[in-house]
Amino acid sequence: MKVINLHQEENEIIQLAIENNRQAQQLIYNKFSPKMLSVCRQYIKDIQIAEDLMITAFMKVFTNLKKFESKGSFEGWIRRIIINECISFIRVDKKVAFLEDSYYKENGFNSIESNFSVEDIQFLIDNLPDGYKMIFNLYAIDGYKHHEIATMLGINEGTSKSQLSHARKMLQEQITKLKNYSNGTE
């Protein structure tokens, strides 16, 4: 059995993993799984489901490793597979819906700033409707452009922009409620 040096070049480790070297695959998994679980968690509220999706996505990573062309970062390539796996799950499991603009006109939203912890913000994001949460994560956290999001989700670009705007407004409303509650004014 060949021992792999932890400091080998990423391309060498990828090549060994393509050849089904289990040690190389384990190195890749160990290096990227914590970040990728965090990515799954941004989209999926339930940690067990997020873990299952991450493992399924890593199986796809190893199955399709030959398709990685070394254009762009390897981590970015894995991240895209992880995100697509989460989106596929949400589409099948949740039947994602996008709320109409009239909902927001009826419920006045205010813009505020907040200094909540990461856990608080994640909790608030988890409580967004699935469609909003998905678009918010894709745009604000993962850095996709609206035309990329529209293509990924099969919606038009304007819907992506609208949903992002509404997600931000809902987050602002939730933050306002939390601030008022913590200040004893509600």
N, C-alpha and C. Protein backbone atom coordinates (compact mmCIF):
# COMPACT_ATOMS: atom_id res chain seq x y z
N MET A 1 0.85 -1.18 0.00
CA MET A 1 0.00 0.00 0.00
C MET A 1 0.89 1.24 0.00
N LYS A 2 0.57 2.17 -0.87
CA LYS A 2 1.35 3.40 -1.03
C LYS A 2 0.88 4.44 -0.02
N VAL A 3 1.82 5.08 0.66
CA VAL A 3 1.51 6.13 1.62
C VAL A 3 1.54 7.46 0.88
N ILE A 4 0.52 8.30 1.12
CA ILE A 4 0.43 9.60 0.46
C ILE A 4 0.88 10.68 1.43
N ASN A 5 1.79 11.50 0.99
CA ASN A 5 2.25 12.64 1.77
C ASN A 5 1.13 13.69 1.80
N LEU A 6 0.81 14.21 2.97
CA LEU A 6 -0.25 15.20 3.10
C LEU A 6 0.03 16.48 2.33
N HIS A 7 1.28 16.76 2.00
CA HIS A 7 1.63 18.01 1.34
C HIS A 7 1.82 17.85 -0.17
N GLN A 8 1.38 16.72 -0.73
CA GLN A 8 1.46 16.55 -2.17
C GLN A 8 0.59 17.57 -2.86
N GLU A 9 0.94 17.85 -4.08
CA GLU A 9 0.15 18.79 -4.88
C GLU A 9 -1.28 18.25 -5.04
N GLU A 10 -2.23 19.18 -5.07
CA GLU A 10 -3.63 18.82 -5.22
C GLU A 10 -3.88 18.00 -6.48
N ASN A 11 -3.23 18.36 -7.59
CA ASN A 11 -3.42 17.63 -8.84
C ASN A 11 -2.97 16.18 -8.75
N GLU A 12 -1.89 15.94 -8.01
CA GLU A 12 -1.41 14.57 -7.83
C GLU A 12 -2.42 13.76 -7.01
N ILE A 13 -2.95 14.36 -5.97
CA ILE A 13 -3.94 13.68 -5.13
C ILE A 13 -5.21 13.41 -5.94
N ILE A 14 -5.63 14.38 -6.74
CA ILE A 14 -6.81 14.19 -7.59
C ILE A 14 -6.58 13.04 -8.56
N GLN A 15 -5.39 13.00 -9.17
CA GLN A 15 -5.09 11.91 -10.11
C GLN A 15 -5.12 10.55 -9.42
N LEU A 16 -4.57 10.47 -8.23
CA LEU A 16 -4.62 9.21 -7.47
C LEU A 16 -6.06 8.84 -7.12
N ALA A 17 -6.87 9.82 -6.78
CA ALA A 17 -8.27 9.56 -6.45
C ALA A 17 -9.02 9.05 -7.69
N ILE A 18 -8.69 9.60 -8.86
CA ILE A 18 -9.31 9.13 -10.10
C ILE A 18 -8.99 7.65 -10.31
N GLU A 19 -7.82 7.24 -9.89
CA GLU A 19 -7.39 5.84 -10.01
C GLU A 19 -7.93 4.97 -8.88
N ASN A 20 -8.91 5.50 -8.15
CA ASN A 20 -9.57 4.81 -7.03
C ASN A 20 -8.65 4.52 -5.85
N ASN A 21 -7.67 5.37 -5.64
CA ASN A 21 -6.82 5.26 -4.47
C ASN A 21 -7.63 5.78 -3.28
N ARG A 22 -7.98 4.87 -2.38
CA ARG A 22 -8.87 5.21 -1.26
C ARG A 22 -8.23 6.23 -0.32
N GLN A 23 -6.94 6.18 -0.17
CA GLN A 23 -6.26 7.14 0.70
C GLN A 23 -6.37 8.55 0.13
N ALA A 24 -6.21 8.67 -1.16
CA ALA A 24 -6.33 9.98 -1.81
C ALA A 24 -7.77 10.49 -1.69
N GLN A 25 -8.72 9.60 -1.89
CA GLN A 25 -10.12 10.00 -1.74
C GLN A 25 -10.41 10.44 -0.31
N GLN A 26 -9.85 9.74 0.65
CA GLN A 26 -10.03 10.11 2.05
C GLN A 26 -9.42 11.47 2.34
N LEU A 27 -8.24 11.75 1.76
CA LEU A 27 -7.61 13.06 1.94
C LEU A 27 -8.50 14.18 1.40
N ILE A 28 -9.06 13.95 0.22
CA ILE A 28 -9.95 14.94 -0.38
C ILE A 28 -11.18 15.14 0.50
N TYR A 29 -11.77 14.04 0.93
CA TYR A 29 -12.96 14.12 1.78
C TYR A 29 -12.64 14.87 3.08
N ASN A 30 -11.55 14.49 3.73
CA ASN A 30 -11.19 15.12 5.00
C ASN A 30 -10.90 16.62 4.85
N LYS A 31 -10.31 16.98 3.73
CA LYS A 31 -9.96 18.38 3.51
C LYS A 31 -11.20 19.24 3.26
N PHE A 32 -12.14 18.73 2.47
CA PHE A 32 -13.26 19.56 2.01
C PHE A 32 -14.59 19.32 2.72
N SER A 33 -14.76 18.20 3.40
CA SER A 33 -16.07 17.90 3.99
C SER A 33 -16.54 18.91 5.04
N PRO A 34 -15.68 19.45 5.91
CA PRO A 34 -16.21 20.44 6.86
C PRO A 34 -16.81 21.67 6.18
N LYS A 35 -16.12 22.20 5.18
CA LYS A 35 -16.65 23.36 4.45
C LYS A 35 -17.91 23.00 3.69
N MET A 36 -17.93 21.82 3.09
CA MET A 36 -19.07 21.43 2.27
C MET A 36 -20.30 21.11 3.13
N LEU A 37 -20.07 20.61 4.34
CA LEU A 37 -21.20 20.42 5.25
C LEU A 37 -21.79 21.77 5.61
N SER A 38 -20.94 22.75 5.78
CA SER A 38 -21.41 24.11 6.06
C SER A 38 -22.24 24.64 4.88
N VAL A 39 -21.81 24.36 3.66
CA VAL A 39 -22.57 24.77 2.48
C VAL A 39 -23.94 24.08 2.49
N CYS A 40 -23.96 22.78 2.73
CA CYS A 40 -25.23 22.05 2.79
C CYS A 40 -26.13 22.63 3.86
N ARG A 41 -25.56 22.94 4.98
CA ARG A 41 -26.31 23.47 6.11
C ARG A 41 -26.95 24.82 5.79
N GLN A 42 -26.33 25.60 4.89
CA GLN A 42 -26.92 26.87 4.49
C GLN A 42 -28.24 26.67 3.77
N TYR A 43 -28.38 25.56 3.10
CA TYR A 43 -29.59 25.28 2.33
C TYR A 43 -30.57 24.37 3.06
N ILE A 44 -30.06 23.50 3.90
CA ILE A 44 -30.87 22.46 4.54
C ILE A 44 -30.85 22.66 6.05
N LYS A 45 -32.03 22.82 6.62
CA LYS A 45 -32.16 23.09 8.05
C LYS A 45 -31.75 21.90 8.92
N ASP A 46 -32.17 20.71 8.53
CA ASP A 46 -31.94 19.49 9.31
C ASP A 46 -30.50 19.00 9.09
N ILE A 47 -29.72 18.92 10.16
CA ILE A 47 -28.30 18.57 10.05
C ILE A 47 -28.09 17.15 9.51
N GLN A 48 -28.97 16.21 9.87
CA GLN A 48 -28.82 14.84 9.37
C GLN A 48 -29.05 14.77 7.86
N ILE A 49 -30.04 15.50 7.39
CA ILE A 49 -30.30 15.54 5.94
C ILE A 49 -29.13 16.23 5.24
N ALA A 50 -28.62 17.30 5.83
CA ALA A 50 -27.47 18.00 5.25
C ALA A 50 -26.27 17.06 5.15
N GLU A 51 -26.04 16.27 6.19
CA GLU A 51 -24.92 15.31 6.16
C GLU A 51 -25.14 14.26 5.07
N ASP A 52 -26.37 13.75 4.97
CA ASP A 52 -26.67 12.75 3.93
C ASP A 52 -26.44 13.32 2.54
N LEU A 53 -26.90 14.55 2.33
CA LEU A 53 -26.71 15.19 1.02
C LEU A 53 -25.23 15.42 0.72
N MET A 54 -24.47 15.79 1.73
CA MET A 54 -23.04 16.00 1.52
C MET A 54 -22.37 14.69 1.11
N ILE A 55 -22.71 13.62 1.78
CA ILE A 55 -22.11 12.32 1.46
C ILE A 55 -22.51 11.89 0.05
N THR A 56 -23.78 12.06 -0.29
CA THR A 56 -24.24 11.73 -1.64
C THR A 56 -23.50 12.58 -2.68
N ALA A 57 -23.32 13.86 -2.39
CA ALA A 57 -22.62 14.74 -3.31
C ALA A 57 -21.15 14.32 -3.45
N PHE A 58 -20.52 13.91 -2.36
CA PHE A 58 -19.13 13.45 -2.46
C PHE A 58 -19.02 12.18 -3.28
N MET A 59 -20.04 11.34 -3.22
CA MET A 59 -20.04 10.16 -4.10
C MET A 59 -20.06 10.62 -5.56
N LYS A 60 -20.83 11.65 -5.86
CA LYS A 60 -20.86 12.21 -7.22
C LYS A 60 -19.52 12.83 -7.57
N VAL A 61 -18.89 13.48 -6.60
CA VAL A 61 -17.56 14.06 -6.83
C VAL A 61 -16.59 12.97 -7.26
N PHE A 62 -16.54 11.88 -6.51
CA PHE A 62 -15.59 10.81 -6.83
C PHE A 62 -15.96 10.08 -8.11
N THR A 63 -17.24 9.94 -8.39
CA THR A 63 -17.69 9.30 -9.62
C THR A 63 -17.33 10.14 -10.84
N ASN A 64 -17.40 11.46 -10.70
CA ASN A 64 -17.17 12.37 -11.83
C ASN A 64 -15.82 13.06 -11.80
N LEU A 65 -14.92 12.58 -10.99
CA LEU A 65 -13.62 13.23 -10.83
C LEU A 65 -12.85 13.35 -12.15
N LYS A 66 -13.05 12.41 -13.05
CA LYS A 66 -12.37 12.47 -14.35
C LYS A 66 -12.82 13.69 -15.16
N LYS A 67 -14.00 14.21 -14.85
CA LYS A 67 -14.54 15.35 -15.58
C LYS A 67 -13.97 16.68 -15.09
N PHE A 68 -13.28 16.68 -13.96
CA PHE A 68 -12.67 17.92 -13.47
C PHE A 68 -11.52 18.27 -14.39
N GLU A 69 -11.58 19.47 -14.98
CA GLU A 69 -10.62 19.87 -16.00
C GLU A 69 -9.53 20.80 -15.48
N SER A 70 -9.43 20.97 -14.20
CA SER A 70 -8.44 21.87 -13.59
C SER A 70 -8.59 23.31 -14.06
N LYS A 71 -9.78 23.67 -14.50
CA LYS A 71 -10.09 25.06 -14.84
C LYS A 71 -10.86 25.62 -13.64
N GLY A 72 -10.28 26.57 -12.96
CA GLY A 72 -10.90 27.05 -11.73
C GLY A 72 -10.43 26.20 -10.57
N SER A 73 -10.97 26.50 -9.41
CA SER A 73 -10.52 25.78 -8.21
C SER A 73 -11.26 24.46 -8.05
N PHE A 74 -10.55 23.50 -7.49
CA PHE A 74 -11.13 22.20 -7.20
C PHE A 74 -12.23 22.34 -6.14
N GLU A 75 -11.96 23.18 -5.15
CA GLU A 75 -12.97 23.42 -4.10
C GLU A 75 -14.25 24.01 -4.69
N GLY A 76 -14.11 24.93 -5.63
CA GLY A 76 -15.27 25.52 -6.29
C GLY A 76 -16.06 24.48 -7.08
N TRP A 77 -15.35 23.56 -7.71
CA TRP A 77 -16.00 22.49 -8.47
C TRP A 77 -16.81 21.59 -7.53
N ILE A 78 -16.20 21.23 -6.40
CA ILE A 78 -16.91 20.42 -5.41
C ILE A 78 -18.12 21.19 -4.87
N ARG A 79 -17.92 22.46 -4.57
CA ARG A 79 -18.99 23.30 -4.02
C ARG A 79 -20.20 23.34 -4.96
N ARG A 80 -19.94 23.45 -6.26
CA ARG A 80 -21.02 23.48 -7.24
C ARG A 80 -21.82 22.17 -7.19
N ILE A 81 -21.13 21.05 -7.08
CA ILE A 81 -21.81 19.75 -6.99
C ILE A 81 -22.65 19.70 -5.71
N ILE A 82 -22.09 20.16 -4.61
CA ILE A 82 -22.81 20.18 -3.32
C ILE A 82 -24.07 21.03 -3.44
N ILE A 83 -23.93 22.23 -3.97
CA ILE A 83 -25.09 23.13 -4.11
C ILE A 83 -26.16 22.52 -5.00
N ASN A 84 -25.73 21.94 -6.12
CA ASN A 84 -26.71 21.31 -7.02
C ASN A 84 -27.43 20.15 -6.35
N GLU A 85 -26.73 19.41 -5.52
CA GLU A 85 -27.36 18.31 -4.79
C GLU A 85 -28.41 18.85 -3.82
N CYS A 86 -28.10 19.93 -3.13
CA CYS A 86 -29.05 20.55 -2.20
C CYS A 86 -30.27 21.08 -2.94
N ILE A 87 -30.03 21.75 -4.06
CA ILE A 87 -31.14 22.29 -4.84
C ILE A 87 -32.04 21.17 -5.35
N SER A 88 -31.43 20.10 -5.83
CA SER A 88 -32.22 18.96 -6.31
C SER A 88 -33.08 18.38 -5.19
N PHE A 89 -32.49 18.25 -4.01
CA PHE A 89 -33.25 17.72 -2.88
C PHE A 89 -34.44 18.63 -2.54
N ILE A 90 -34.18 19.92 -2.48
CA ILE A 90 -35.24 20.87 -2.13
C ILE A 90 -36.35 20.84 -3.18
N ARG A 91 -35.97 20.78 -4.44
CA ARG A 91 -36.98 20.73 -5.52
C ARG A 91 -37.88 19.52 -5.36
N VAL A 92 -37.29 18.35 -5.12
CA VAL A 92 -38.06 17.12 -5.02
C VAL A 92 -38.85 17.06 -3.72
N ASP A 93 -38.18 17.39 -2.62
CA ASP A 93 -38.79 17.22 -1.31
C ASP A 93 -39.78 18.32 -0.94
N LYS A 94 -39.48 19.53 -1.29
CA LYS A 94 -40.26 20.65 -0.77
C LYS A 94 -41.21 21.30 -1.77
N LYS A 95 -41.02 21.05 -3.04
CA LYS A 95 -41.84 21.75 -4.05
C LYS A 95 -41.77 23.25 -3.79
N VAL A 96 -40.59 23.82 -3.97
CA VAL A 96 -40.29 25.22 -3.66
C VAL A 96 -41.31 26.16 -4.30
N ALA A 97 -41.78 27.10 -3.51
CA ALA A 97 -42.73 28.10 -4.00
C ALA A 97 -42.12 29.48 -3.84
N PHE A 98 -42.47 30.37 -4.74
CA PHE A 98 -42.03 31.75 -4.66
C PHE A 98 -43.23 32.62 -4.38
N LEU A 99 -43.14 33.44 -3.33
CA LEU A 99 -44.26 34.28 -2.92
C LEU A 99 -44.43 35.45 -3.87
N GLU A 100 -45.64 35.94 -3.96
CA GLU A 100 -45.97 37.06 -4.85
C GLU A 100 -45.58 38.39 -4.22
N ASP A 101 -45.34 39.40 -5.07
CA ASP A 101 -44.99 40.73 -4.60
C ASP A 101 -46.08 41.34 -3.72
N SER A 102 -47.34 40.98 -3.96
CA SER A 102 -48.44 41.56 -3.19
C SER A 102 -48.32 41.25 -1.70
N TYR A 103 -47.71 40.11 -1.36
CA TYR A 103 -47.52 39.74 0.05
C TYR A 103 -46.72 40.82 0.78
N TYR A 104 -45.72 41.37 0.10
CA TYR A 104 -44.85 42.34 0.73
C TYR A 104 -45.47 43.72 0.80
N LYS A 105 -46.31 44.03 -0.16
CA LYS A 105 -46.98 45.33 -0.14
C LYS A 105 -47.95 45.40 1.02
N GLU A 106 -48.54 44.24 1.36
CA GLU A 106 -49.49 44.18 2.47
C GLU A 106 -48.78 44.23 3.83
N ASN A 107 -47.53 43.81 3.87
CA ASN A 107 -46.77 43.73 5.12
C ASN A 107 -45.57 44.66 5.05
N GLY A 108 -45.71 45.90 5.45
CA GLY A 108 -44.62 46.88 5.32
C GLY A 108 -43.35 46.41 5.99
N PHE A 109 -42.24 46.43 5.25
CA PHE A 109 -40.95 46.00 5.78
C PHE A 109 -40.05 47.20 5.94
N ASN A 110 -39.27 47.21 6.99
CA ASN A 110 -38.34 48.31 7.26
C ASN A 110 -36.91 47.84 7.12
N SER A 111 -36.05 48.75 6.69
CA SER A 111 -34.63 48.45 6.57
C SER A 111 -33.94 48.79 7.89
N ILE A 112 -33.12 47.84 8.39
CA ILE A 112 -32.37 48.07 9.62
C ILE A 112 -31.00 47.44 9.52
N GLU A 113 -30.14 47.76 10.46
CA GLU A 113 -28.84 47.10 10.55
C GLU A 113 -28.83 46.29 11.83
N SER A 114 -28.02 45.23 11.86
CA SER A 114 -28.01 44.34 13.00
C SER A 114 -26.61 43.83 13.30
N ASN A 115 -26.37 43.51 14.56
CA ASN A 115 -25.10 42.92 14.96
C ASN A 115 -25.34 41.59 15.66
N PHE A 116 -26.09 40.71 15.03
CA PHE A 116 -26.38 39.39 15.59
C PHE A 116 -25.23 38.44 15.31
N SER A 117 -25.18 37.36 16.08
CA SER A 117 -24.15 36.34 15.87
C SER A 117 -24.44 35.55 14.60
N VAL A 118 -23.45 34.81 14.15
CA VAL A 118 -23.61 33.97 12.96
C VAL A 118 -24.74 32.96 13.19
N GLU A 119 -24.81 32.42 14.40
CA GLU A 119 -25.85 31.44 14.71
C GLU A 119 -27.24 32.07 14.64
N ASP A 120 -27.36 33.31 15.13
CA ASP A 120 -28.64 34.02 15.05
C ASP A 120 -29.05 34.24 13.60
N ILE A 121 -28.11 34.69 12.79
CA ILE A 121 -28.41 34.95 11.38
C ILE A 121 -28.77 33.64 10.67
N GLN A 122 -28.04 32.55 10.96
CA GLN A 122 -28.36 31.26 10.34
C GLN A 122 -29.76 30.82 10.73
N PHE A 123 -30.13 31.04 11.99
CA PHE A 123 -31.48 30.71 12.45
C PHE A 123 -32.52 31.49 11.65
N LEU A 124 -32.27 32.78 11.45
CA LEU A 124 -33.20 33.61 10.69
C LEU A 124 -33.28 33.15 9.22
N ILE A 125 -32.14 32.83 8.64
CA ILE A 125 -32.14 32.34 7.25
C ILE A 125 -32.89 31.02 7.16
N ASP A 126 -32.71 30.15 8.15
CA ASP A 126 -33.42 28.87 8.16
C ASP A 126 -34.93 29.05 8.15
N ASN A 127 -35.41 30.15 8.68
CA ASN A 127 -36.85 30.38 8.77
C ASN A 127 -37.44 31.07 7.54
N LEU A 128 -36.61 31.37 6.56
CA LEU A 128 -37.13 31.92 5.29
C LEU A 128 -37.86 30.81 4.53
N PRO A 129 -38.83 31.17 3.71
CA PRO A 129 -39.42 30.16 2.81
C PRO A 129 -38.30 29.56 1.95
N ASP A 130 -38.44 28.31 1.58
CA ASP A 130 -37.36 27.60 0.90
C ASP A 130 -36.86 28.30 -0.36
N GLY A 131 -37.76 28.85 -1.16
CA GLY A 131 -37.34 29.54 -2.38
C GLY A 131 -36.49 30.75 -2.08
N TYR A 132 -36.89 31.52 -1.09
CA TYR A 132 -36.12 32.71 -0.69
C TYR A 132 -34.76 32.31 -0.15
N LYS A 133 -34.77 31.30 0.70
CA LYS A 133 -33.54 30.83 1.32
C LYS A 133 -32.55 30.38 0.26
N MET A 134 -33.05 29.64 -0.72
CA MET A 134 -32.18 29.13 -1.77
C MET A 134 -31.55 30.29 -2.56
N ILE A 135 -32.36 31.23 -2.98
CA ILE A 135 -31.85 32.35 -3.77
C ILE A 135 -30.95 33.25 -2.93
N PHE A 136 -31.32 33.50 -1.69
CA PHE A 136 -30.48 34.30 -0.81
C PHE A 136 -29.09 33.66 -0.66
N ASN A 137 -29.07 32.35 -0.39
CA ASN A 137 -27.80 31.65 -0.24
C ASN A 137 -26.98 31.67 -1.53
N LEU A 138 -27.64 31.38 -2.65
CA LEU A 138 -26.92 31.36 -3.93
C LEU A 138 -26.30 32.71 -4.25
N TYR A 139 -27.04 33.78 -3.99
CA TYR A 139 -26.56 35.11 -4.34
C TYR A 139 -25.65 35.71 -3.27
N ALA A 140 -26.16 35.82 -2.07
CA ALA A 140 -25.45 36.56 -1.02
C ALA A 140 -24.30 35.77 -0.41
N ILE A 141 -24.41 34.46 -0.35
CA ILE A 141 -23.38 33.68 0.32
C ILE A 141 -22.45 33.00 -0.68
N ASP A 142 -23.04 32.39 -1.72
CA ASP A 142 -22.22 31.64 -2.68
C ASP A 142 -21.75 32.47 -3.86
N GLY A 143 -22.27 33.68 -4.02
CA GLY A 143 -21.75 34.60 -5.02
C GLY A 143 -22.20 34.38 -6.45
N TYR A 144 -23.28 33.64 -6.65
CA TYR A 144 -23.78 33.45 -8.01
C TYR A 144 -24.46 34.73 -8.49
N LYS A 145 -24.44 34.96 -9.78
CA LYS A 145 -25.13 36.09 -10.40
C LYS A 145 -26.58 35.68 -10.66
N HIS A 146 -27.45 36.68 -10.83
CA HIS A 146 -28.87 36.38 -11.03
C HIS A 146 -29.11 35.53 -12.27
N HIS A 147 -28.38 35.77 -13.35
CA HIS A 147 -28.60 34.95 -14.55
C HIS A 147 -28.17 33.50 -14.31
N GLU A 148 -27.15 33.27 -13.48
CA GLU A 148 -26.74 31.90 -13.14
C GLU A 148 -27.80 31.23 -12.27
N ILE A 149 -28.32 31.96 -11.32
CA ILE A 149 -29.37 31.43 -10.44
C ILE A 149 -30.60 31.08 -11.26
N ALA A 150 -30.98 31.97 -12.16
CA ALA A 150 -32.16 31.73 -13.00
C ALA A 150 -31.98 30.44 -13.81
N THR A 151 -30.81 30.24 -14.36
CA THR A 151 -30.54 29.03 -15.14
C THR A 151 -30.59 27.79 -14.25
N MET A 152 -29.96 27.87 -13.08
CA MET A 152 -29.92 26.73 -12.16
C MET A 152 -31.31 26.31 -11.70
N LEU A 153 -32.16 27.30 -11.43
CA LEU A 153 -33.47 27.01 -10.85
C LEU A 153 -34.60 26.96 -11.88
N GLY A 154 -34.29 27.29 -13.12
CA GLY A 154 -35.33 27.26 -14.15
C GLY A 154 -36.36 28.37 -13.98
N ILE A 155 -35.90 29.55 -13.54
CA ILE A 155 -36.78 30.70 -13.38
C ILE A 155 -36.19 31.84 -14.20
N ASN A 156 -36.93 32.95 -14.32
CA ASN A 156 -36.32 34.06 -15.06
C ASN A 156 -35.51 34.93 -14.10
N GLU A 157 -34.64 35.73 -14.68
CA GLU A 157 -33.70 36.54 -13.90
C GLU A 157 -34.43 37.53 -12.99
N GLY A 158 -35.53 38.10 -13.49
CA GLY A 158 -36.31 39.04 -12.69
C GLY A 158 -36.88 38.39 -11.44
N THR A 159 -37.29 37.13 -11.55
CA THR A 159 -37.80 36.40 -10.38
C THR A 159 -36.70 36.24 -9.35
N SER A 160 -35.49 35.94 -9.81
CA SER A 160 -34.37 35.80 -8.89
C SER A 160 -34.12 37.10 -8.14
N LYS A 161 -34.11 38.21 -8.86
CA LYS A 161 -33.88 39.51 -8.23
C LYS A 161 -34.99 39.84 -7.24
N SER A 162 -36.21 39.58 -7.63
CA SER A 162 -37.36 39.87 -6.77
C SER A 162 -37.32 39.02 -5.50
N GLN A 163 -37.02 37.74 -5.66
CA GLN A 163 -36.98 36.84 -4.51
C GLN A 163 -35.86 37.23 -3.55
N LEU A 164 -34.73 37.66 -4.08
CA LEU A 164 -33.64 38.11 -3.22
C LEU A 164 -34.07 39.34 -2.43
N SER A 165 -34.71 40.27 -3.10
CA SER A 165 -35.18 41.48 -2.43
C SER A 165 -36.16 41.14 -1.32
N HIS A 166 -37.07 40.23 -1.61
CA HIS A 166 -38.06 39.84 -0.60
C HIS A 166 -37.42 39.07 0.55
N ALA A 167 -36.43 38.24 0.25
CA ALA A 167 -35.73 37.51 1.31
C ALA A 167 -35.04 38.49 2.25
N ARG A 168 -34.39 39.49 1.68
CA ARG A 168 -33.72 40.50 2.51
C ARG A 168 -34.73 41.24 3.37
N LYS A 169 -35.86 41.58 2.80
CA LYS A 169 -36.89 42.29 3.57
C LYS A 169 -37.43 41.42 4.70
N MET A 170 -37.64 40.13 4.42
CA MET A 170 -38.11 39.24 5.49
C MET A 170 -37.08 39.13 6.60
N LEU A 171 -35.81 39.03 6.22
CA LEU A 171 -34.76 38.97 7.24
C LEU A 171 -34.74 40.24 8.07
N GLN A 172 -34.90 41.38 7.42
CA GLN A 172 -34.92 42.64 8.14
C GLN A 172 -36.09 42.69 9.12
N GLU A 173 -37.25 42.19 8.68
CA GLU A 173 -38.40 42.18 9.58
C GLU A 173 -38.16 41.26 10.78
N GLN A 174 -37.58 40.10 10.53
CA GLN A 174 -37.29 39.17 11.63
C GLN A 174 -36.28 39.78 12.60
N ILE A 175 -35.28 40.46 12.07
CA ILE A 175 -34.27 41.10 12.92
C ILE A 175 -34.91 42.19 13.77
N THR A 176 -35.80 42.97 13.17
CA THR A 176 -36.51 44.02 13.90
C THR A 176 -37.31 43.40 15.05
N LYS A 177 -38.00 42.32 14.78
CA LYS A 177 -38.78 41.65 15.83
C LYS A 177 -37.87 41.16 16.95
N LEU A 178 -36.75 40.56 16.59
CA LEU A 178 -35.82 40.07 17.61
C LEU A 178 -35.24 41.21 18.43
N LYS A 179 -34.89 42.30 17.76
CA LYS A 179 -34.37 43.47 18.49
C LYS A 179 -35.41 44.02 19.45
N ASN A 180 -36.62 44.16 18.98
CA ASN A 180 -37.71 44.68 19.83
C ASN A 180 -37.96 43.74 21.00
N TYR A 181 -37.91 42.45 20.75
CA TYR A 181 -38.13 41.48 21.82
C TYR A 181 -37.02 41.55 22.85
N SER A 182 -35.77 41.61 22.36
CA SER A 182 -34.63 41.65 23.30
C SER A 182 -34.56 42.98 24.05
N ASN A 183 -35.10 44.05 23.47
CA ASN A 183 -35.14 45.34 24.15
C ASN A 183 -36.36 45.51 25.04
N GLY A 184 -37.24 44.55 24.99
CA GLY A 184 -38.46 44.61 25.81
C GLY A 184 -39.50 45.57 25.28
N THR A 185 -39.43 45.92 24.00
CA THR A 185 -40.40 46.86 23.43
C THR A 185 -41.50 46.14 22.65
N GLU A 186 -41.50 44.84 22.67
CA GLU A 186 -42.56 44.12 21.96
C GLU A 186 -43.15 43.06 22.85
